[in-house]
PDB file of N, CA and C in Angstrom:
ATOM      1  N   MET A   1       2.047 -66.915-158.794  1.00  0.00           N
ATOM      2  CA  MET A   1       2.242 -68.073-157.946  1.00  0.00           C
ATOM      3  C   MET A   1       3.711 -68.458-157.873  1.00  0.00           C
ATOM      4  N   LYS A   2       4.419 -68.325-159.001  1.00  0.00           N
ATOM      5  CA  LYS A   2       5.833 -68.674-159.021  1.00  0.00           C
ATOM      6  C   LYS A   2       6.630 -67.753-158.100  1.00  0.00           C
ATOM      7  N   GLN A   3       6.202 -66.503-157.965  1.00  0.00           N
ATOM      8  CA  GLN A   3       6.895 -65.576-157.068  1.00  0.00           C
ATOM      9  C   GLN A   3       6.785 -66.033-155.624  1.00  0.00           C
ATOM     10  N   ILE A   4       5.648 -66.567-155.259  1.00  0.00           N
ATOM     11  CA  ILE A   4       5.448 -67.026-153.887  1.00  0.00           C
ATOM     12  C   ILE A   4       6.299 -68.254-153.611  1.00  0.00           C
ATOM     13  N   ILE A   5       6.355 -69.186-154.556  1.00  0.00           N
ATOM     14  CA  ILE A   5       7.116 -70.415-154.365  1.00  0.00           C
ATOM     15  C   ILE A   5       8.618 -70.134-154.348  1.00  0.00           C
ATOM     16  N   SER A   6       9.090 -69.219-155.170  1.00  0.00           N
ATOM     17  CA  SER A   6      10.527 -68.969-155.256  1.00  0.00           C
ATOM     18  C   SER A   6      11.040 -67.981-154.198  1.00  0.00           C
ATOM     19  N   ASN A   7      10.171 -67.330-153.461  1.00  0.00           N
ATOM     20  CA  ASN A   7      10.585 -66.376-152.443  1.00  0.00           C
ATOM     21  C   ASN A   7      10.835 -67.129-151.131  1.00  0.00           C
ATOM     22  N   TYR A   8      12.086 -67.142-150.695  1.00  0.00           N
ATOM     23  CA  TYR A   8      12.437 -67.913-149.495  1.00  0.00           C
ATOM     24  C   TYR A   8      11.768 -67.374-148.237  1.00  0.00           C
ATOM     25  N   ARG A   9      11.353 -66.146-148.240  1.00  0.00           N
ATOM     26  CA  ARG A   9      10.759 -65.550-147.047  1.00  0.00           C
ATOM     27  C   ARG A   9       9.451 -66.253-146.662  1.00  0.00           C
ATOM     28  N   TYR A  10       8.701 -66.668-147.659  1.00  0.00           N
ATOM     29  CA  TYR A  10       7.465 -67.394-147.379  1.00  0.00           C
ATOM     30  C   TYR A  10       7.758 -68.745-146.750  1.00  0.00           C
ATOM     31  N   TRP A  11       8.830 -69.397-147.199  1.00  0.00           N
ATOM     32  CA  TRP A  11       9.206 -70.691-146.631  1.00  0.00           C
ATOM     33  C   TRP A  11       9.657 -70.533-145.185  1.00  0.00           C
ATOM     34  N   VAL A  12      10.362 -69.447-144.876  1.00  0.00           N
ATOM     35  CA  VAL A  12      10.791 -69.198-143.497  1.00  0.00           C
ATOM     36  C   VAL A  12       9.569 -68.963-142.606  1.00  0.00           C
ATOM     37  N   LEU A  13       8.631 -68.161-143.072  1.00  0.00           N
ATOM     38  CA  LEU A  13       7.423 -67.903-142.295  1.00  0.00           C
ATOM     39  C   LEU A  13       6.598 -69.178-142.116  1.00  0.00           C
ATOM     40  N   PHE A  14       6.535 -70.009-143.159  1.00  0.00           N
ATOM     41  CA  PHE A  14       5.817 -71.272-143.050  1.00  0.00           C
ATOM     42  C   PHE A  14       6.476 -72.201-142.033  1.00  0.00           C
ATOM     43  N   ALA A  15       7.798 -72.270-142.045  1.00  0.00           N
ATOM     44  CA  ALA A  15       8.520 -73.127-141.094  1.00  0.00           C
ATOM     45  C   ALA A  15       8.296 -72.645-139.664  1.00  0.00           C
ATOM     46  N   LEU A  16       8.359 -71.342-139.451  1.00  0.00           N
ATOM     47  CA  LEU A  16       8.121 -70.807-138.105  1.00  0.00           C
ATOM     48  C   LEU A  16       6.686 -71.058-137.649  1.00  0.00           C
ATOM     49  N   ALA A  17       5.737 -70.919-138.551  1.00  0.00           N
ATOM     50  CA  ALA A  17       4.342 -71.190-138.200  1.00  0.00           C
ATOM     51  C   ALA A  17       4.143 -72.673-137.879  1.00  0.00           C
ATOM     52  N   SER A  18       4.838 -73.543-138.606  1.00  0.00           N
ATOM     53  CA  SER A  18       4.737 -74.979-138.339  1.00  0.00           C
ATOM     54  C   SER A  18       5.300 -75.329-136.967  1.00  0.00           C
ATOM     55  N   VAL A  19       6.455 -74.763-136.636  1.00  0.00           N
ATOM     56  CA  VAL A  19       7.053 -74.995-135.316  1.00  0.00           C
ATOM     57  C   VAL A  19       6.136 -74.463-134.222  1.00  0.00           C
ATOM     58  N   MET A  20       5.524 -73.330-134.482  1.00  0.00           N
ATOM     59  CA  MET A  20       4.613 -72.732-133.515  1.00  0.00           C
ATOM     60  C   MET A  20       3.411 -73.643-133.256  1.00  0.00           C
ATOM     61  N   ILE A  21       2.817 -74.156-134.302  1.00  0.00           N
ATOM     62  CA  ILE A  21       1.634 -75.008-134.152  1.00  0.00           C
ATOM     63  C   ILE A  21       1.998 -76.319-133.475  1.00  0.00           C
ATOM     64  N   ILE A  22       3.095 -76.926-133.892  1.00  0.00           N
ATOM     65  CA  ILE A  22       3.513 -78.190-133.277  1.00  0.00           C
ATOM     66  C   ILE A  22       3.842 -77.983-131.802  1.00  0.00           C
ATOM     67  N   GLY A  23       4.504 -76.875-131.477  1.00  0.00           N
ATOM     68  CA  GLY A  23       4.814 -76.580-130.080  1.00  0.00           C
ATOM     69  C   GLY A  23       3.579 -76.364-129.229  1.00  0.00           C
ATOM     70  N   LEU A  24       2.548 -75.798-129.821  1.00  0.00           N
ATOM     71  CA  LEU A  24       1.321 -75.557-129.067  1.00  0.00           C
ATOM     72  C   LEU A  24       0.521 -76.832-128.814  1.00  0.00           C
ATOM     73  N   ILE A  25       0.514 -77.749-129.777  1.00  0.00           N
ATOM     74  CA  ILE A  25      -0.302 -78.945-129.607  1.00  0.00           C
ATOM     75  C   ILE A  25       0.464 -80.113-129.005  1.00  0.00           C
ATOM     76  N   ALA A  26       1.770 -79.988-128.852  1.00  0.00           N
ATOM     77  CA  ALA A  26       2.572 -81.078-128.309  1.00  0.00           C
ATOM     78  C   ALA A  26       2.303 -81.246-126.809  1.00  0.00           C
ATOM     79  N   VAL A  27       2.098 -82.487-126.413  1.00  0.00           N
ATOM     80  CA  VAL A  27       1.892 -82.830-125.009  1.00  0.00           C
ATOM     81  C   VAL A  27       2.838 -83.977-124.688  1.00  0.00           C
ATOM     82  N   PRO A  28       3.640 -83.845-123.633  1.00  0.00           N
ATOM     83  CA  PRO A  28       4.597 -84.905-123.309  1.00  0.00           C
ATOM     84  C   PRO A  28       3.918 -86.182-122.826  1.00  0.00           C
ATOM     85  N   ASN A  29       4.688 -87.245-122.824  1.00  0.00           N
ATOM     86  CA  ASN A  29       4.215 -88.541-122.365  1.00  0.00           C
ATOM     87  C   ASN A  29       3.871 -88.466-120.879  1.00  0.00           C
ATOM     88  N   THR A  30       2.783 -89.111-120.479  1.00  0.00           N
ATOM     89  CA  THR A  30       2.340 -89.043-119.085  1.00  0.00           C
ATOM     90  C   THR A  30       2.973 -90.121-118.209  1.00  0.00           C
ATOM     91  N   ASP A  31       3.841 -90.953-118.779  1.00  0.00           N
ATOM     92  CA  ASP A  31       4.482 -92.017-118.007  1.00  0.00           C
ATOM     93  C   ASP A  31       5.748 -91.554-117.297  1.00  0.00           C
ATOM     94  N   VAL A  32       5.992 -90.280-117.223  1.00  0.00           N
ATOM     95  CA  VAL A  32       7.192 -89.743-116.579  1.00  0.00           C
ATOM     96  C   VAL A  32       6.787 -89.030-115.288  1.00  0.00           C
ATOM     97  N   SER A  33       7.776 -88.623-114.531  1.00  0.00           N
ATOM     98  CA  SER A  33       7.477 -87.935-113.268  1.00  0.00           C
ATOM     99  C   SER A  33       6.848 -86.565-113.539  1.00  0.00           C
ATOM    100  N   LEU A  34       6.243 -86.028-112.517  1.00  0.00           N
ATOM    101  CA  LEU A  34       5.550 -84.744-112.653  1.00  0.00           C
ATOM    102  C   LEU A  34       6.514 -83.623-113.041  1.00  0.00           C
ATOM    103  N   SER A  35       7.687 -83.614-112.450  1.00  0.00           N
ATOM    104  CA  SER A  35       8.650 -82.549-112.764  1.00  0.00           C
ATOM    105  C   SER A  35       9.123 -82.643-114.217  1.00  0.00           C
ATOM    106  N   THR A  36       9.355 -83.853-114.706  1.00  0.00           N
ATOM    107  CA  THR A  36       9.759 -84.027-116.102  1.00  0.00           C
ATOM    108  C   THR A  36       8.630 -83.643-117.041  1.00  0.00           C
ATOM    109  N   PHE A  37       7.417 -84.052-116.709  1.00  0.00           N
ATOM    110  CA  PHE A  37       6.245 -83.698-117.507  1.00  0.00           C
ATOM    111  C   PHE A  37       6.084 -82.182-117.584  1.00  0.00           C
ATOM    112  N   THR A  38       6.187 -81.526-116.443  1.00  0.00           N
ATOM    113  CA  THR A  38       6.028 -80.073-116.390  1.00  0.00           C
ATOM    114  C   THR A  38       7.125 -79.362-117.171  1.00  0.00           C
ATOM    115  N   ALA A  39       8.364 -79.847-117.011  1.00  0.00           N
ATOM    116  CA  ALA A  39       9.473 -79.227-117.733  1.00  0.00           C
ATOM    117  C   ALA A  39       9.294 -79.362-119.242  1.00  0.00           C
ATOM    118  N   LYS A  40       8.934 -80.551-119.705  1.00  0.00           N
ATOM    119  CA  LYS A  40       8.734 -80.756-121.139  1.00  0.00           C
ATOM    120  C   LYS A  40       7.555 -79.945-121.656  1.00  0.00           C
ATOM    121  N   LEU A  41       6.523 -79.821-120.855  1.00  0.00           N
ATOM    122  CA  LEU A  41       5.363 -79.034-121.251  1.00  0.00           C
ATOM    123  C   LEU A  41       5.734 -77.565-121.420  1.00  0.00           C
ATOM    124  N   PHE A  42       6.448 -77.014-120.440  1.00  0.00           N
ATOM    125  CA  PHE A  42       6.838 -75.606-120.526  1.00  0.00           C
ATOM    126  C   PHE A  42       7.860 -75.355-121.629  1.00  0.00           C
ATOM    127  N   VAL A  43       8.741 -76.303-121.872  1.00  0.00           N
ATOM    128  CA  VAL A  43       9.715 -76.138-122.958  1.00  0.00           C
ATOM    129  C   VAL A  43       9.003 -76.117-124.306  1.00  0.00           C
ATOM    130  N   SER A  44       8.040 -77.014-124.504  1.00  0.00           N
ATOM    131  CA  SER A  44       7.330 -77.037-125.789  1.00  0.00           C
ATOM    132  C   SER A  44       6.541 -75.751-126.006  1.00  0.00           C
ATOM    133  N   LYS A  45       5.929 -75.231-124.956  1.00  0.00           N
ATOM    134  CA  LYS A  45       5.187 -73.976-125.091  1.00  0.00           C
ATOM    135  C   LYS A  45       6.143 -72.787-125.245  1.00  0.00           C
ATOM    136  N   GLY A  46       7.313 -72.869-124.612  1.00  0.00           N
ATOM    137  CA  GLY A  46       8.320 -71.829-124.780  1.00  0.00           C
ATOM    138  C   GLY A  46       8.860 -71.771-126.197  1.00  0.00           C
ATOM    139  N   VAL A  47       9.062 -72.945-126.791  1.00  0.00           N
ATOM    140  CA  VAL A  47       9.508 -73.000-128.190  1.00  0.00           C
ATOM    141  C   VAL A  47       8.443 -72.405-129.096  1.00  0.00           C
ATOM    142  N   ALA A  48       7.188 -72.710-128.824  1.00  0.00           N
ATOM    143  CA  ALA A  48       6.094 -72.142-129.624  1.00  0.00           C
ATOM    144  C   ALA A  48       6.056 -70.624-129.489  1.00  0.00           C
ATOM    145  N   PHE A  49       6.264 -70.121-128.279  1.00  0.00           N
ATOM    146  CA  PHE A  49       6.261 -68.672-128.065  1.00  0.00           C
ATOM    147  C   PHE A  49       7.455 -68.006-128.760  1.00  0.00           C
ATOM    148  N   ALA A  50       8.623 -68.645-128.699  1.00  0.00           N
ATOM    149  CA  ALA A  50       9.812 -68.110-129.378  1.00  0.00           C
ATOM    150  C   ALA A  50       9.603 -68.097-130.890  1.00  0.00           C
ATOM    151  N   ALA A  51       8.984 -69.132-131.429  1.00  0.00           N
ATOM    152  CA  ALA A  51       8.691 -69.168-132.864  1.00  0.00           C
ATOM    153  C   ALA A  51       7.683 -68.087-133.233  1.00  0.00           C
ATOM    154  N   PHE A  52       6.723 -67.839-132.348  1.00  0.00           N
ATOM    155  CA  PHE A  52       5.754 -66.770-132.585  1.00  0.00           C
ATOM    156  C   PHE A  52       6.436 -65.405-132.634  1.00  0.00           C
ATOM    157  N   LEU A  53       7.343 -65.159-131.689  1.00  0.00           N
ATOM    158  CA  LEU A  53       8.066 -63.891-131.684  1.00  0.00           C
ATOM    159  C   LEU A  53       8.932 -63.726-132.932  1.00  0.00           C
ATOM    160  N   ALA A  54       9.606 -64.806-133.340  1.00  0.00           N
ATOM    161  CA  ALA A  54      10.427 -64.755-134.554  1.00  0.00           C
ATOM    162  C   ALA A  54       9.555 -64.526-135.779  1.00  0.00           C
ATOM    163  N   PHE A  55       8.396 -65.189-135.834  1.00  0.00           N
ATOM    164  CA  PHE A  55       7.461 -65.001-136.943  1.00  0.00           C
ATOM    165  C   PHE A  55       7.029 -63.538-137.034  1.00  0.00           C
ATOM    166  N   CYS A  56       6.635 -62.971-135.904  1.00  0.00           N
ATOM    167  CA  CYS A  56       6.199 -61.569-135.888  1.00  0.00           C
ATOM    168  C   CYS A  56       7.320 -60.628-136.298  1.00  0.00           C
ATOM    169  N   HIS A  57       8.519 -60.891-135.796  1.00  0.00           N
ATOM    170  CA  HIS A  57       9.669 -60.042-136.124  1.00  0.00           C
ATOM    171  C   HIS A  57       9.938 -60.048-137.625  1.00  0.00           C
ATOM    172  N   TYR A  58      10.059 -61.240-138.199  1.00  0.00           N
ATOM    173  CA  TYR A  58      10.369 -61.327-139.617  1.00  0.00           C
ATOM    174  C   TYR A  58       9.217 -60.845-140.481  1.00  0.00           C
ATOM    175  N   TYR A  59       7.988 -61.117-140.076  1.00  0.00           N
ATOM    176  CA  TYR A  59       6.845 -60.639-140.848  1.00  0.00           C
ATOM    177  C   TYR A  59       6.839 -59.109-140.905  1.00  0.00           C
ATOM    178  N   MET A  60       7.011 -58.464-139.767  1.00  0.00           N
ATOM    179  CA  MET A  60       7.017 -56.999-139.742  1.00  0.00           C
ATOM    180  C   MET A  60       8.210 -56.431-140.516  1.00  0.00           C
ATOM    181  N   LYS A  61       9.360 -57.052-140.364  1.00  0.00           N
ATOM    182  CA  LYS A  61      10.566 -56.581-141.061  1.00  0.00           C
ATOM    183  C   LYS A  61      10.385 -56.678-142.572  1.00  0.00           C
ATOM    184  N   TRP A  62       9.938 -57.829-143.052  1.00  0.00           N
ATOM    185  CA  TRP A  62       9.780 -58.021-144.494  1.00  0.00           C
ATOM    186  C   TRP A  62       8.585 -57.269-145.041  1.00  0.00           C
ATOM    187  N   LYS A  63       7.590 -57.023-144.206  1.00  0.00           N
ATOM    188  CA  LYS A  63       6.442 -56.222-144.640  1.00  0.00           C
ATOM    189  C   LYS A  63       6.882 -54.778-144.860  1.00  0.00           C
ATOM    190  N   ASP A  64       7.693 -54.251-143.939  1.00  0.00           N
ATOM    191  CA  ASP A  64       8.188 -52.878-144.082  1.00  0.00           C
ATOM    192  C   ASP A  64       9.110 -52.725-145.286  1.00  0.00           C
ATOM    193  N   GLU A  65       9.882 -53.769-145.593  1.00  0.00           N
ATOM    194  CA  GLU A  65      10.779 -53.741-146.754  1.00  0.00           C
ATOM    195  C   GLU A  65      10.008 -53.913-148.067  1.00  0.00           C
ATOM    196  N   GLY A  66       8.805 -54.456-148.000  1.00  0.00           N
ATOM    197  CA  GLY A  66       8.030 -54.731-149.202  1.00  0.00           C
ATOM    198  C   GLY A  66       8.432 -56.032-149.880  1.00  0.00           C
ATOM    199  N   SER A  67       9.083 -56.919-149.146  1.00  0.00           N
ATOM    200  CA  SER A  67       9.577 -58.170-149.720  1.00  0.00           C
ATOM    201  C   SER A  67       8.503 -59.240-149.831  1.00  0.00           C
ATOM    202  N   ILE A  68       7.429 -59.096-149.089  1.00  0.00           N
ATOM    203  CA  ILE A  68       6.354 -60.097-149.108  1.00  0.00           C
ATOM    204  C   ILE A  68       5.049 -59.416-149.503  1.00  0.00           C
ATOM    205  N   SER A  69       5.093 -58.727-150.609  1.00  0.00           N
ATOM    206  CA  SER A  69       3.938 -57.933-151.024  1.00  0.00           C
ATOM    207  C   SER A  69       2.722 -58.798-151.348  1.00  0.00           C
ATOM    208  N   GLU A  70       2.933 -60.025-151.828  1.00  0.00           N
ATOM    209  CA  GLU A  70       1.789 -60.885-152.138  1.00  0.00           C
ATOM    210  C   GLU A  70       1.002 -61.210-150.866  1.00  0.00           C
ATOM    211  N   LEU A  71       1.716 -61.458-149.789  1.00  0.00           N
ATOM    212  CA  LEU A  71       1.071 -61.791-148.517  1.00  0.00           C
ATOM    213  C   LEU A  71       0.392 -60.571-147.898  1.00  0.00           C
ATOM    214  N   THR A  72       1.039 -59.435-147.975  1.00  0.00           N
ATOM    215  CA  THR A  72       0.435 -58.228-147.411  1.00  0.00           C
ATOM    216  C   THR A  72      -0.761 -57.764-148.224  1.00  0.00           C
ATOM    217  N   ASP A  73      -0.764 -58.065-149.530  1.00  0.00           N
ATOM    218  CA  ASP A  73      -1.935 -57.751-150.341  1.00  0.00           C
ATOM    219  C   ASP A  73      -3.132 -58.585-149.892  1.00  0.00           C
ATOM    220  N   LEU A  74      -2.890 -59.839-149.536  1.00  0.00           N
ATOM    221  CA  LEU A  74      -3.974 -60.678-149.030  1.00  0.00           C
ATOM    222  C   LEU A  74      -4.487 -60.164-147.683  1.00  0.00           C
ATOM    223  N   GLU A  75      -3.581 -59.609-146.881  1.00  0.00           N
ATOM    224  CA  GLU A  75      -3.969 -59.076-145.584  1.00  0.00           C
ATOM    225  C   GLU A  75      -4.891 -57.872-145.739  1.00  0.00           C
ATOM    226  N   GLU A  76      -4.646 -57.057-146.746  1.00  0.00           N
ATOM    227  CA  GLU A  76      -5.422 -55.839-146.948  1.00  0.00           C
ATOM    228  C   GLU A  76      -6.823 -56.112-147.501  1.00  0.00           C
ATOM    229  N   GLU A  77      -7.010 -57.254-148.140  1.00  0.00           N
ATOM    230  CA  GLU A  77      -8.314 -57.560-148.745  1.00  0.00           C
ATOM    231  C   GLU A  77      -9.342 -57.972-147.738  1.00  0.00           C
TER     232      GLU A  77
END
């Protein structure tokens, strides 16, 4: 357990997953114009998609390096 807490890679993946989830569930205020609402909606979903791509990139990179073996062991089970 101490290896998981002290490994910064897990914290990076957790932060990216948090940004991804918040970006997906975020909905802008409806008291603004349609164009502003649409822009904020697409920006929040774009941020979520960018976080997803970064998550996948780092997960695959660290999985290939063997740096997150505890997480990949859970994946194999």
